[in-house]
Amino acid sequence: MLVSGDRAPALGLLDQDGHKVSLSSYKGRRVLLYFYPKA
């Protein structure tokens, strides 16, 4: 489990349009990840 201030692991996901997005694309920026069940 990560706690505030930990480095995030490498992560790649598909966005709502099906394009791959890497967490590394946001290096140096604050990012909030929100996961929810697919309807």
Protein backbone atom coordinates (compact mmCIF):
# COMPACT_ATOMS: atom_id res chain seq x y z
CA MET A 1 0.00 0.00 0.00
CA LEU A 2 1.33 3.42 -0.92
CA VAL A 3 1.28 6.29 1.53
CA SER A 4 1.49 10.00 0.85
CA GLY A 5 4.93 10.89 -0.49
CA ASP A 6 5.74 7.41 -1.89
CA ARG A 7 6.86 7.11 -5.50
CA ALA A 8 4.21 5.55 -7.68
CA PRO A 9 5.07 2.34 -9.53
CA ALA A 10 5.21 2.25 -13.33
CA LEU A 11 1.65 2.18 -14.60
CA GLY A 12 0.00 2.15 -18.00
CA LEU A 13 -3.75 2.14 -18.61
CA LEU A 14 -6.25 2.76 -21.38
CA ASP A 15 -8.15 6.05 -21.33
CA GLN A 16 -11.85 6.43 -22.14
CA ASP A 17 -11.00 6.47 -25.88
CA GLY A 18 -8.88 3.30 -25.75
CA HIS A 19 -5.50 5.10 -25.99
CA LYS A 20 -2.65 3.90 -23.77
CA VAL A 21 -1.63 6.43 -21.13
CA SER A 22 1.52 6.05 -19.02
CA LEU A 23 1.88 7.50 -15.56
CA SER A 24 5.41 8.56 -16.57
CA SER A 25 3.82 11.06 -18.98
CA TYR A 26 2.82 13.07 -15.92
CA LYS A 27 6.22 13.09 -14.20
CA GLY A 28 6.60 16.13 -11.95
CA ARG A 29 2.86 16.78 -11.88
CA ARG A 30 0.26 15.85 -9.30
CA VAL A 31 -1.99 13.02 -10.41
CA LEU A 32 -5.16 11.63 -8.87
CA LEU A 33 -6.15 8.13 -9.96
CA TYR A 34 -9.77 7.18 -9.50
CA PHE A 35 -10.91 3.63 -10.18
CA TYR A 36 -14.54 2.62 -10.47
CA PRO A 37 -16.38 -0.47 -11.70
CA LYS A 38 -17.20 -0.56 -15.39
CA ALA A 39 -20.94 -0.20 -15.93
